Amino acid sequence: MKRIAIIIGLGLCLALPSLLAAQENHGEVGVFADYLRFSPGSQVTNFVGVGGRLGFNVHPNIMLEAEMSYDFKRNFTNTTGSGINTNFTNTGVRPLTGLFGPKFQAGTTGPFRVFVTGKVGFINFQTTNGSTVNGSQFSNAVTGVGGAGTHFAFYPGAGFEAFIGPVGLRLEAGDEIYLNNGTYNNLKVTFGPHFRF
């Protein structure tokens, strides 16, 4: 019985790559490292984080994707005062982004693909005022954020994928734009492994 189980297990391990290759045109799932060049107004801050995405093919050249990314907290120092008395306020910001939309891809038969995408969704700024002086508020510390809240976002982007069988790497870059009493453009780059199924 033990030998039969080992033979069946080895047979499945040998057959699995060919089964996955035959089934690799339904969709993709992946994780990625995320870089966001947050630049509201004159301030520029580099955020890094992690994310994941899931996509399903509706046509060999069109995939519908949903993705979410979480960037780790960065501290901002806000200086207020008249020159005689100065207050330094450290506040933390964490962007959480969720986007959904189509990906239009070329090169569907080979291991390499280029694509363009356009997604809509939200960006949520989570803020902390842990070391604020006298209960001062975060609202003016970072231009374009205005405190914690969720804002409409859209994202045009393009990228490149390379696959060996069902396993591949994806590099994507675009402009994450959000609306908050104006339009704010932010460079976003993602890179990570993807799996076709």
N, C-alpha and C. Protein backbone atom coordinates (compact mmCIF):
# COMPACT_ATOMS: atom_id res chain seq x y z
N MET A 1 0.82 -1.19 0.00
CA MET A 1 0.00 0.00 0.00
C MET A 1 0.86 1.26 0.00
N LYS A 2 1.96 1.19 0.75
CA LYS A 2 2.86 2.33 0.84
C LYS A 2 3.51 2.62 -0.51
N ARG A 3 3.91 1.55 -1.23
CA ARG A 3 4.53 1.71 -2.53
C ARG A 3 3.54 2.29 -3.54
N ILE A 4 2.31 1.88 -3.48
CA ILE A 4 1.29 2.40 -4.40
C ILE A 4 1.08 3.89 -4.15
N ALA A 5 1.05 4.30 -2.90
CA ALA A 5 0.89 5.72 -2.57
C ALA A 5 2.08 6.54 -3.08
N ILE A 6 3.29 6.00 -2.95
CA ILE A 6 4.48 6.70 -3.45
C ILE A 6 4.44 6.80 -4.96
N ILE A 7 4.05 5.74 -5.65
CA ILE A 7 3.98 5.76 -7.13
C ILE A 7 2.92 6.75 -7.59
N ILE A 8 1.77 6.78 -6.93
CA ILE A 8 0.72 7.74 -7.28
C ILE A 8 1.20 9.16 -7.02
N GLY A 9 1.86 9.39 -5.90
CA GLY A 9 2.38 10.72 -5.58
C GLY A 9 3.41 11.19 -6.60
N LEU A 10 4.33 10.30 -6.98
CA LEU A 10 5.32 10.66 -8.00
C LEU A 10 4.66 10.92 -9.35
N GLY A 11 3.66 10.11 -9.69
CA GLY A 11 2.93 10.31 -10.95
C GLY A 11 2.23 11.66 -10.98
N LEU A 12 1.62 12.05 -9.86
CA LEU A 12 0.96 13.36 -9.81
C LEU A 12 1.98 14.49 -9.91
N CYS A 13 3.13 14.33 -9.24
CA CYS A 13 4.17 15.37 -9.32
C CYS A 13 4.69 15.53 -10.74
N LEU A 14 4.81 14.43 -11.47
CA LEU A 14 5.28 14.50 -12.85
C LEU A 14 4.19 15.05 -13.78
N ALA A 15 2.94 14.74 -13.51
CA ALA A 15 1.84 15.18 -14.39
C ALA A 15 1.40 16.61 -14.10
N LEU A 16 1.65 17.11 -12.88
CA LEU A 16 1.16 18.43 -12.49
C LEU A 16 1.65 19.56 -13.39
N PRO A 17 2.94 19.63 -13.75
CA PRO A 17 3.36 20.73 -14.63
C PRO A 17 2.64 20.75 -15.98
N SER A 18 2.42 19.58 -16.56
CA SER A 18 1.72 19.58 -17.85
C SER A 18 0.25 19.92 -17.67
N LEU A 19 -0.35 19.52 -16.57
CA LEU A 19 -1.75 19.90 -16.31
C LEU A 19 -1.86 21.40 -16.09
N LEU A 20 -0.92 21.98 -15.33
CA LEU A 20 -0.95 23.42 -15.10
C LEU A 20 -0.69 24.20 -16.39
N ALA A 21 0.21 23.71 -17.24
CA ALA A 21 0.49 24.40 -18.50
C ALA A 21 -0.74 24.39 -19.39
N ALA A 22 -1.50 23.33 -19.36
CA ALA A 22 -2.71 23.25 -20.18
C ALA A 22 -3.81 24.15 -19.64
N GLN A 23 -3.77 24.45 -18.35
CA GLN A 23 -4.82 25.24 -17.72
C GLN A 23 -4.39 26.68 -17.42
N GLU A 24 -3.29 27.17 -17.99
CA GLU A 24 -2.74 28.44 -17.57
C GLU A 24 -3.31 29.65 -18.29
N ASN A 25 -4.45 29.56 -18.88
CA ASN A 25 -4.98 30.71 -19.60
C ASN A 25 -6.29 31.21 -19.01
N HIS A 26 -6.62 30.83 -17.80
CA HIS A 26 -7.86 31.29 -17.18
C HIS A 26 -7.66 32.56 -16.35
N GLY A 27 -6.50 32.67 -15.72
CA GLY A 27 -6.27 33.84 -14.88
C GLY A 27 -4.90 33.83 -14.28
N GLU A 28 -4.67 34.80 -13.38
CA GLU A 28 -3.39 34.94 -12.70
C GLU A 28 -3.64 35.37 -11.25
N VAL A 29 -2.72 34.97 -10.40
CA VAL A 29 -2.70 35.44 -9.03
C VAL A 29 -1.24 35.79 -8.72
N GLY A 30 -1.04 36.86 -7.96
CA GLY A 30 0.33 37.26 -7.68
C GLY A 30 0.45 38.13 -6.46
N VAL A 31 1.67 38.22 -5.98
CA VAL A 31 2.02 39.13 -4.90
C VAL A 31 3.09 40.06 -5.43
N PHE A 32 3.24 41.21 -4.80
CA PHE A 32 4.22 42.16 -5.29
C PHE A 32 4.73 43.06 -4.19
N ALA A 33 5.94 43.57 -4.44
CA ALA A 33 6.49 44.66 -3.64
C ALA A 33 6.05 45.95 -4.31
N ASP A 34 5.69 46.93 -3.51
CA ASP A 34 5.08 48.15 -4.01
C ASP A 34 5.93 49.36 -3.63
N TYR A 35 6.17 50.24 -4.60
CA TYR A 35 6.85 51.51 -4.36
C TYR A 35 5.91 52.62 -4.78
N LEU A 36 5.64 53.56 -3.89
CA LEU A 36 4.77 54.69 -4.18
C LEU A 36 5.55 55.97 -3.92
N ARG A 37 5.74 56.77 -4.97
CA ARG A 37 6.40 58.07 -4.82
C ARG A 37 5.28 59.08 -4.56
N PHE A 38 5.01 59.28 -3.30
CA PHE A 38 3.90 60.12 -2.85
C PHE A 38 4.33 61.57 -2.95
N SER A 39 3.69 62.34 -3.82
CA SER A 39 4.14 63.72 -4.06
C SER A 39 2.97 64.69 -4.13
N PRO A 40 2.28 64.89 -3.02
CA PRO A 40 1.24 65.92 -3.02
C PRO A 40 1.88 67.30 -2.85
N GLY A 41 1.69 68.17 -3.78
CA GLY A 41 2.30 69.49 -3.69
C GLY A 41 3.80 69.42 -3.84
N SER A 42 4.52 70.13 -2.97
CA SER A 42 5.97 70.20 -3.06
C SER A 42 6.66 69.10 -2.24
N GLN A 43 5.91 68.39 -1.39
CA GLN A 43 6.49 67.34 -0.58
C GLN A 43 6.60 66.05 -1.37
N VAL A 44 7.69 65.32 -1.22
CA VAL A 44 7.89 64.03 -1.86
C VAL A 44 8.32 63.03 -0.80
N THR A 45 7.61 61.92 -0.70
CA THR A 45 7.94 60.87 0.25
C THR A 45 7.85 59.53 -0.47
N ASN A 46 8.81 58.67 -0.23
CA ASN A 46 8.83 57.35 -0.84
C ASN A 46 8.26 56.33 0.13
N PHE A 47 7.17 55.69 -0.29
CA PHE A 47 6.56 54.62 0.48
C PHE A 47 6.91 53.28 -0.15
N VAL A 48 7.10 52.27 0.67
CA VAL A 48 7.25 50.90 0.20
C VAL A 48 6.24 50.04 0.94
N GLY A 49 5.80 48.99 0.27
CA GLY A 49 4.82 48.12 0.89
C GLY A 49 4.69 46.82 0.14
N VAL A 50 3.59 46.14 0.39
CA VAL A 50 3.30 44.85 -0.24
C VAL A 50 1.87 44.86 -0.75
N GLY A 51 1.60 43.95 -1.66
CA GLY A 51 0.25 43.86 -2.19
C GLY A 51 0.02 42.53 -2.88
N GLY A 52 -1.20 42.38 -3.36
CA GLY A 52 -1.58 41.18 -4.09
C GLY A 52 -2.61 41.52 -5.14
N ARG A 53 -2.69 40.68 -6.16
CA ARG A 53 -3.68 40.89 -7.22
C ARG A 53 -4.19 39.56 -7.72
N LEU A 54 -5.41 39.61 -8.26
CA LEU A 54 -6.09 38.45 -8.81
C LEU A 54 -6.76 38.90 -10.09
N GLY A 55 -6.57 38.14 -11.17
CA GLY A 55 -7.17 38.50 -12.44
C GLY A 55 -7.74 37.29 -13.15
N PHE A 56 -8.82 37.52 -13.92
CA PHE A 56 -9.46 36.48 -14.71
C PHE A 56 -9.57 36.93 -16.15
N ASN A 57 -9.22 36.04 -17.08
CA ASN A 57 -9.31 36.35 -18.49
C ASN A 57 -10.76 36.33 -18.95
N VAL A 58 -11.17 37.39 -19.64
CA VAL A 58 -12.49 37.42 -20.28
C VAL A 58 -12.33 37.28 -21.78
N HIS A 59 -11.10 37.35 -22.26
CA HIS A 59 -10.71 37.20 -23.67
C HIS A 59 -9.22 36.89 -23.63
N PRO A 60 -8.65 36.23 -24.64
CA PRO A 60 -7.21 35.96 -24.59
C PRO A 60 -6.34 37.22 -24.42
N ASN A 61 -6.83 38.38 -24.82
CA ASN A 61 -6.06 39.61 -24.70
C ASN A 61 -6.57 40.56 -23.61
N ILE A 62 -7.62 40.18 -22.88
CA ILE A 62 -8.21 41.07 -21.88
C ILE A 62 -8.40 40.31 -20.57
N MET A 63 -7.90 40.90 -19.50
CA MET A 63 -8.05 40.33 -18.17
C MET A 63 -8.66 41.38 -17.25
N LEU A 64 -9.59 40.97 -16.40
CA LEU A 64 -10.12 41.85 -15.35
C LEU A 64 -9.35 41.55 -14.07
N GLU A 65 -8.78 42.62 -13.47
CA GLU A 65 -7.93 42.45 -12.31
C GLU A 65 -8.42 43.26 -11.12
N ALA A 66 -8.20 42.71 -9.95
CA ALA A 66 -8.41 43.44 -8.70
C ALA A 66 -7.10 43.36 -7.92
N GLU A 67 -6.70 44.46 -7.32
CA GLU A 67 -5.47 44.47 -6.54
C GLU A 67 -5.62 45.34 -5.31
N MET A 68 -4.84 45.01 -4.30
CA MET A 68 -4.80 45.80 -3.08
C MET A 68 -3.36 45.87 -2.61
N SER A 69 -2.95 47.07 -2.17
CA SER A 69 -1.59 47.24 -1.66
C SER A 69 -1.62 48.05 -0.38
N TYR A 70 -0.69 47.73 0.49
CA TYR A 70 -0.54 48.38 1.79
C TYR A 70 0.89 48.89 1.90
N ASP A 71 1.04 50.18 2.09
CA ASP A 71 2.37 50.77 2.24
C ASP A 71 2.63 51.04 3.71
N PHE A 72 3.85 50.78 4.12
CA PHE A 72 4.22 50.91 5.52
C PHE A 72 4.30 52.37 5.95
N LYS A 73 4.09 52.61 7.22
CA LYS A 73 4.00 53.97 7.77
C LYS A 73 5.29 54.75 7.57
N ARG A 74 5.12 56.01 7.20
CA ARG A 74 6.23 56.97 7.13
C ARG A 74 5.87 58.14 8.02
N ASN A 75 6.86 58.69 8.68
CA ASN A 75 6.64 59.84 9.55
C ASN A 75 6.95 61.15 8.83
N PHE A 76 6.15 62.15 9.11
CA PHE A 76 6.35 63.49 8.60
C PHE A 76 6.56 64.41 9.79
N THR A 77 7.44 65.37 9.66
CA THR A 77 7.65 66.36 10.72
C THR A 77 7.10 67.68 10.23
N ASN A 78 6.20 68.24 11.00
CA ASN A 78 5.58 69.52 10.67
C ASN A 78 6.09 70.56 11.66
N THR A 79 6.64 71.64 11.17
CA THR A 79 7.18 72.70 12.01
C THR A 79 6.22 73.87 12.00
N THR A 80 5.77 74.29 13.17
CA THR A 80 4.89 75.45 13.27
C THR A 80 5.48 76.41 14.30
N GLY A 81 5.19 77.67 14.13
CA GLY A 81 5.66 78.65 15.10
C GLY A 81 5.94 79.98 14.44
N SER A 82 6.29 80.95 15.27
CA SER A 82 6.52 82.31 14.79
C SER A 82 7.99 82.65 14.71
N GLY A 83 8.86 81.70 14.94
CA GLY A 83 10.29 81.97 14.95
C GLY A 83 10.84 82.03 16.36
N ILE A 84 10.01 82.43 17.33
CA ILE A 84 10.43 82.47 18.73
C ILE A 84 10.11 81.13 19.39
N ASN A 85 8.87 80.68 19.22
CA ASN A 85 8.43 79.39 19.74
C ASN A 85 8.14 78.49 18.55
N THR A 86 8.77 77.33 18.51
CA THR A 86 8.59 76.40 17.41
C THR A 86 8.14 75.06 17.95
N ASN A 87 7.12 74.46 17.32
CA ASN A 87 6.63 73.13 17.69
C ASN A 87 6.95 72.17 16.57
N PHE A 88 7.50 71.00 16.91
CA PHE A 88 7.73 69.93 15.95
C PHE A 88 6.69 68.85 16.20
N THR A 89 5.99 68.46 15.14
CA THR A 89 4.94 67.47 15.26
C THR A 89 5.24 66.30 14.34
N ASN A 90 5.39 65.10 14.89
CA ASN A 90 5.56 63.89 14.09
C ASN A 90 4.21 63.24 13.88
N THR A 91 3.89 63.01 12.63
CA THR A 91 2.64 62.33 12.29
C THR A 91 2.95 61.23 11.31
N GLY A 92 2.21 60.15 11.38
CA GLY A 92 2.45 59.00 10.51
C GLY A 92 1.33 58.84 9.50
N VAL A 93 1.70 58.40 8.29
CA VAL A 93 0.73 58.16 7.22
C VAL A 93 0.96 56.77 6.66
N ARG A 94 -0.13 56.04 6.40
CA ARG A 94 -0.09 54.74 5.74
C ARG A 94 -1.12 54.72 4.63
N PRO A 95 -0.73 54.64 3.36
CA PRO A 95 -1.72 54.50 2.30
C PRO A 95 -2.13 53.04 2.11
N LEU A 96 -3.41 52.82 1.93
CA LEU A 96 -3.98 51.53 1.57
C LEU A 96 -4.74 51.76 0.27
N THR A 97 -4.40 51.00 -0.77
CA THR A 97 -4.99 51.23 -2.09
C THR A 97 -5.70 49.98 -2.58
N GLY A 98 -6.90 50.15 -3.14
CA GLY A 98 -7.63 49.07 -3.79
C GLY A 98 -8.06 49.52 -5.17
N LEU A 99 -7.74 48.73 -6.19
CA LEU A 99 -8.03 49.11 -7.58
C LEU A 99 -8.62 47.92 -8.34
N PHE A 100 -9.46 48.23 -9.34
CA PHE A 100 -10.08 47.20 -10.18
C PHE A 100 -10.21 47.73 -11.59
N GLY A 101 -9.91 46.88 -12.58
CA GLY A 101 -10.07 47.29 -13.96
C GLY A 101 -9.46 46.31 -14.93
N PRO A 102 -9.52 46.64 -16.23
CA PRO A 102 -9.02 45.73 -17.26
C PRO A 102 -7.52 45.87 -17.48
N LYS A 103 -6.94 44.76 -17.93
CA LYS A 103 -5.55 44.73 -18.39
C LYS A 103 -5.59 44.23 -19.83
N PHE A 104 -5.05 45.01 -20.76
CA PHE A 104 -5.02 44.66 -22.17
C PHE A 104 -3.61 44.18 -22.48
N GLN A 105 -3.49 42.91 -22.90
CA GLN A 105 -2.18 42.30 -23.05
C GLN A 105 -1.93 41.84 -24.48
N ALA A 106 -0.66 41.91 -24.89
CA ALA A 106 -0.21 41.42 -26.19
C ALA A 106 0.76 40.27 -25.94
N GLY A 107 0.93 39.43 -26.94
CA GLY A 107 1.85 38.30 -26.80
C GLY A 107 1.31 37.19 -25.95
N THR A 108 0.06 36.78 -26.21
CA THR A 108 -0.60 35.80 -25.35
C THR A 108 -0.13 34.38 -25.57
N THR A 109 0.62 34.09 -26.64
CA THR A 109 1.01 32.71 -26.90
C THR A 109 2.42 32.37 -26.43
N GLY A 110 3.26 33.34 -26.20
CA GLY A 110 4.64 33.07 -25.79
C GLY A 110 4.86 33.33 -24.31
N PRO A 111 6.11 33.23 -23.89
CA PRO A 111 6.42 33.44 -22.47
C PRO A 111 6.49 34.92 -22.07
N PHE A 112 6.49 35.84 -23.05
CA PHE A 112 6.61 37.26 -22.74
C PHE A 112 5.34 38.00 -23.11
N ARG A 113 4.94 38.94 -22.26
CA ARG A 113 3.76 39.76 -22.53
C ARG A 113 4.05 41.20 -22.14
N VAL A 114 3.55 42.11 -22.94
CA VAL A 114 3.49 43.51 -22.56
C VAL A 114 2.02 43.86 -22.40
N PHE A 115 1.73 44.83 -21.56
CA PHE A 115 0.33 45.16 -21.30
C PHE A 115 0.18 46.61 -20.90
N VAL A 116 -1.04 47.09 -21.04
CA VAL A 116 -1.46 48.38 -20.49
C VAL A 116 -2.69 48.11 -19.64
N THR A 117 -2.90 48.97 -18.66
CA THR A 117 -4.03 48.78 -17.75
C THR A 117 -4.61 50.12 -17.35
N GLY A 118 -5.86 50.11 -16.99
CA GLY A 118 -6.55 51.28 -16.45
C GLY A 118 -7.49 50.82 -15.36
N LYS A 119 -7.27 51.26 -14.15
CA LYS A 119 -8.05 50.78 -13.01
C LYS A 119 -8.61 51.95 -12.22
N VAL A 120 -9.71 51.72 -11.54
CA VAL A 120 -10.31 52.70 -10.65
C VAL A 120 -10.48 52.06 -9.27
N GLY A 121 -10.59 52.90 -8.25
CA GLY A 121 -10.77 52.38 -6.91
C GLY A 121 -10.63 53.47 -5.88
N PHE A 122 -9.85 53.18 -4.83
CA PHE A 122 -9.73 54.12 -3.72
C PHE A 122 -8.30 54.10 -3.18
N ILE A 123 -7.96 55.18 -2.49
CA ILE A 123 -6.77 55.23 -1.65
C ILE A 123 -7.22 55.73 -0.30
N ASN A 124 -6.84 55.01 0.74
CA ASN A 124 -7.21 55.36 2.11
C ASN A 124 -5.95 55.73 2.87
N PHE A 125 -5.97 56.91 3.46
CA PHE A 125 -4.85 57.35 4.28
C PHE A 125 -5.18 57.10 5.74
N GLN A 126 -4.39 56.26 6.37
CA GLN A 126 -4.51 56.03 7.80
C GLN A 126 -3.45 56.88 8.46
N THR A 127 -3.83 57.63 9.47
CA THR A 127 -2.90 58.56 10.10
C THR A 127 -2.78 58.29 11.59
N THR A 128 -1.63 58.66 12.14
CA THR A 128 -1.42 58.59 13.59
C THR A 128 -0.85 59.91 14.06
N ASN A 129 -1.29 60.34 15.22
CA ASN A 129 -0.81 61.59 15.82
C ASN A 129 -0.13 61.29 17.14
N GLY A 130 0.61 60.20 17.22
CA GLY A 130 1.15 59.73 18.49
C GLY A 130 1.97 60.75 19.26
N SER A 131 2.73 61.59 18.58
CA SER A 131 3.60 62.51 19.32
C SER A 131 3.24 63.96 19.07
N THR A 132 1.97 64.22 18.81
CA THR A 132 1.58 65.61 18.58
C THR A 132 1.58 66.39 19.88
N VAL A 133 1.84 67.67 19.78
CA VAL A 133 1.94 68.54 20.94
C VAL A 133 0.58 69.18 21.20
N ASN A 134 0.11 69.12 22.44
CA ASN A 134 -1.14 69.75 22.86
C ASN A 134 -2.33 69.33 22.00
N GLY A 135 -2.35 68.08 21.56
CA GLY A 135 -3.50 67.59 20.82
C GLY A 135 -3.66 68.20 19.44
N SER A 136 -2.60 68.76 18.86
CA SER A 136 -2.73 69.36 17.54
C SER A 136 -3.12 68.32 16.51
N GLN A 137 -3.78 68.74 15.47
CA GLN A 137 -4.36 67.84 14.50
C GLN A 137 -3.41 67.60 13.33
N PHE A 138 -3.65 66.50 12.66
CA PHE A 138 -2.85 66.10 11.52
C PHE A 138 -3.21 66.88 10.25
N SER A 139 -4.36 67.49 10.19
CA SER A 139 -4.96 67.94 8.94
C SER A 139 -4.08 68.81 8.07
N ASN A 140 -3.15 69.55 8.62
CA ASN A 140 -2.30 70.40 7.79
C ASN A 140 -0.87 69.89 7.70
N ALA A 141 -0.56 68.74 8.26
CA ALA A 141 0.82 68.26 8.30
C ALA A 141 1.32 67.85 6.92
N VAL A 142 0.48 67.24 6.11
CA VAL A 142 0.88 66.79 4.79
C VAL A 142 -0.10 67.34 3.77
N THR A 143 0.37 68.18 2.88
CA THR A 143 -0.48 68.76 1.85
C THR A 143 -1.10 67.65 1.01
N GLY A 144 -2.38 67.77 0.72
CA GLY A 144 -3.04 66.80 -0.15
C GLY A 144 -3.66 65.63 0.55
N VAL A 145 -3.34 65.42 1.83
CA VAL A 145 -3.96 64.33 2.57
C VAL A 145 -5.16 64.86 3.34
N GLY A 146 -4.97 65.88 4.15
CA GLY A 146 -6.08 66.47 4.88
C GLY A 146 -6.60 65.61 5.99
N GLY A 147 -5.80 64.73 6.53
CA GLY A 147 -6.23 63.85 7.61
C GLY A 147 -6.62 62.49 7.07
N ALA A 148 -7.02 61.61 7.98
CA ALA A 148 -7.41 60.27 7.58
C ALA A 148 -8.66 60.33 6.72
N GLY A 149 -8.73 59.45 5.74
CA GLY A 149 -9.91 59.41 4.89
C GLY A 149 -9.67 58.60 3.63
N THR A 150 -10.76 58.33 2.93
CA THR A 150 -10.72 57.56 1.70
C THR A 150 -11.04 58.46 0.53
N HIS A 151 -10.27 58.34 -0.54
CA HIS A 151 -10.42 59.20 -1.72
C HIS A 151 -10.52 58.35 -2.97
N PHE A 152 -11.25 58.83 -3.96
CA PHE A 152 -11.36 58.17 -5.26
C PHE A 152 -9.99 58.18 -5.93
N ALA A 153 -9.61 57.05 -6.53
CA ALA A 153 -8.32 56.95 -7.21
C ALA A 153 -8.50 56.26 -8.56
N PHE A 154 -7.66 56.63 -9.49
CA PHE A 154 -7.59 55.89 -10.76
C PHE A 154 -6.13 55.76 -11.15
N TYR A 155 -5.88 54.74 -11.98
CA TYR A 155 -4.50 54.32 -12.22
C TYR A 155 -4.32 53.87 -13.67
N PRO A 156 -3.69 54.67 -14.51
CA PRO A 156 -3.23 54.17 -15.81
C PRO A 156 -1.80 53.65 -15.67
N GLY A 157 -1.52 52.50 -16.28
CA GLY A 157 -0.19 51.93 -16.15
C GLY A 157 0.15 51.00 -17.29
N ALA A 158 1.38 50.52 -17.30
CA ALA A 158 1.86 49.59 -18.31
C ALA A 158 2.91 48.71 -17.67
N GLY A 159 3.17 47.56 -18.32
CA GLY A 159 4.15 46.68 -17.74
C GLY A 159 4.57 45.56 -18.65
N PHE A 160 5.30 44.61 -18.05
CA PHE A 160 5.92 43.51 -18.76
C PHE A 160 5.85 42.27 -17.88
N GLU A 161 5.53 41.12 -18.49
CA GLU A 161 5.51 39.85 -17.78
C GLU A 161 6.39 38.84 -18.51
N ALA A 162 7.06 37.98 -17.78
CA ALA A 162 7.84 36.89 -18.34
C ALA A 162 7.49 35.62 -17.58
N PHE A 163 7.08 34.57 -18.31
CA PHE A 163 6.63 33.33 -17.70
C PHE A 163 7.48 32.15 -18.18
N ILE A 164 7.71 31.22 -17.27
CA ILE A 164 8.22 29.89 -17.60
C ILE A 164 7.16 28.94 -17.10
N GLY A 165 6.37 28.43 -18.03
CA GLY A 165 5.22 27.61 -17.64
C GLY A 165 4.22 28.48 -16.90
N PRO A 166 3.73 28.02 -15.76
CA PRO A 166 2.74 28.80 -15.02
C PRO A 166 3.33 29.85 -14.08
N VAL A 167 4.66 29.89 -13.93
CA VAL A 167 5.31 30.78 -12.98
C VAL A 167 6.00 31.91 -13.73
N GLY A 168 5.80 33.15 -13.25
CA GLY A 168 6.41 34.27 -13.93
C GLY A 168 6.70 35.43 -13.01
N LEU A 169 7.31 36.47 -13.59
CA LEU A 169 7.59 37.72 -12.90
C LEU A 169 6.90 38.85 -13.64
N ARG A 170 6.42 39.83 -12.89
CA ARG A 170 5.71 40.96 -13.48
C ARG A 170 6.27 42.27 -12.93
N LEU A 171 6.53 43.20 -13.86
CA LEU A 171 6.97 44.55 -13.53
C LEU A 171 5.96 45.51 -14.12
N GLU A 172 5.47 46.43 -13.30
CA GLU A 172 4.43 47.37 -13.74
C GLU A 172 4.72 48.75 -13.16
N ALA A 173 4.43 49.78 -13.93
CA ALA A 173 4.60 51.16 -13.46
C ALA A 173 3.45 52.00 -14.00
N GLY A 174 3.03 52.98 -13.21
CA GLY A 174 1.94 53.85 -13.64
C GLY A 174 1.81 55.06 -12.74
N ASP A 175 0.72 55.77 -12.97
CA ASP A 175 0.44 57.01 -12.24
C ASP A 175 -0.80 56.78 -11.38
N GLU A 176 -0.59 56.68 -10.06
CA GLU A 176 -1.73 56.54 -9.15
C GLU A 176 -2.24 57.94 -8.83
N ILE A 177 -3.41 58.26 -9.33
CA ILE A 177 -3.99 59.59 -9.22
C ILE A 177 -5.15 59.52 -8.24
N TYR A 178 -5.18 60.43 -7.28
CA TYR A 178 -6.34 60.49 -6.39
C TYR A 178 -6.85 61.91 -6.32
N LEU A 179 -8.13 62.01 -5.95
CA LEU A 179 -8.82 63.30 -5.89
C LEU A 179 -9.10 63.67 -4.43
N ASN A 180 -8.65 64.89 -4.05
CA ASN A 180 -8.94 65.42 -2.72
C ASN A 180 -8.81 66.94 -2.81
N ASN A 181 -9.90 67.60 -3.19
CA ASN A 181 -9.86 69.05 -3.45
C ASN A 181 -8.76 69.38 -4.44
N GLY A 182 -8.66 68.60 -5.46
CA GLY A 182 -7.63 68.73 -6.48
C GLY A 182 -7.18 67.35 -6.91
N THR A 183 -6.32 67.31 -7.92
CA THR A 183 -5.81 66.05 -8.46
C THR A 183 -4.35 65.90 -8.06
N TYR A 184 -3.99 64.72 -7.53
CA TYR A 184 -2.64 64.46 -7.07
C TYR A 184 -2.09 63.24 -7.81
N ASN A 185 -0.97 63.41 -8.50
CA ASN A 185 -0.33 62.35 -9.27
C ASN A 185 0.82 61.76 -8.46
N ASN A 186 0.93 60.43 -8.48
CA ASN A 186 1.96 59.74 -7.72
C ASN A 186 2.46 58.54 -8.51
N LEU A 187 3.77 58.43 -8.70
CA LEU A 187 4.36 57.30 -9.39
C LEU A 187 4.20 56.04 -8.54
N LYS A 188 3.76 54.95 -9.18
CA LYS A 188 3.63 53.67 -8.49
C LYS A 188 4.31 52.60 -9.32
N VAL A 189 5.18 51.79 -8.69
CA VAL A 189 5.88 50.70 -9.36
C VAL A 189 5.67 49.45 -8.53
N THR A 190 5.33 48.33 -9.20
CA THR A 190 5.17 47.06 -8.51
C THR A 190 6.01 46.00 -9.22
N PHE A 191 6.50 45.03 -8.44
CA PHE A 191 7.30 43.93 -8.99
C PHE A 191 7.11 42.72 -8.11
N GLY A 192 6.87 41.56 -8.77
CA GLY A 192 6.74 40.34 -7.99
C GLY A 192 6.35 39.15 -8.82
N PRO A 193 6.28 37.98 -8.17
CA PRO A 193 5.93 36.73 -8.88
C PRO A 193 4.44 36.65 -9.15
N HIS A 194 4.11 35.99 -10.28
CA HIS A 194 2.73 35.73 -10.66
C HIS A 194 2.59 34.29 -11.08
N PHE A 195 1.40 33.76 -10.91
CA PHE A 195 1.13 32.37 -11.24
C PHE A 195 -0.12 32.30 -12.11
N ARG A 196 0.01 31.64 -13.26
CA ARG A 196 -1.14 31.42 -14.15
C ARG A 196 -1.88 30.18 -13.71
N PHE A 197 -3.18 30.21 -13.91
CA PHE A 197 -3.97 29.00 -13.65
C PHE A 197 -5.04 28.87 -14.71
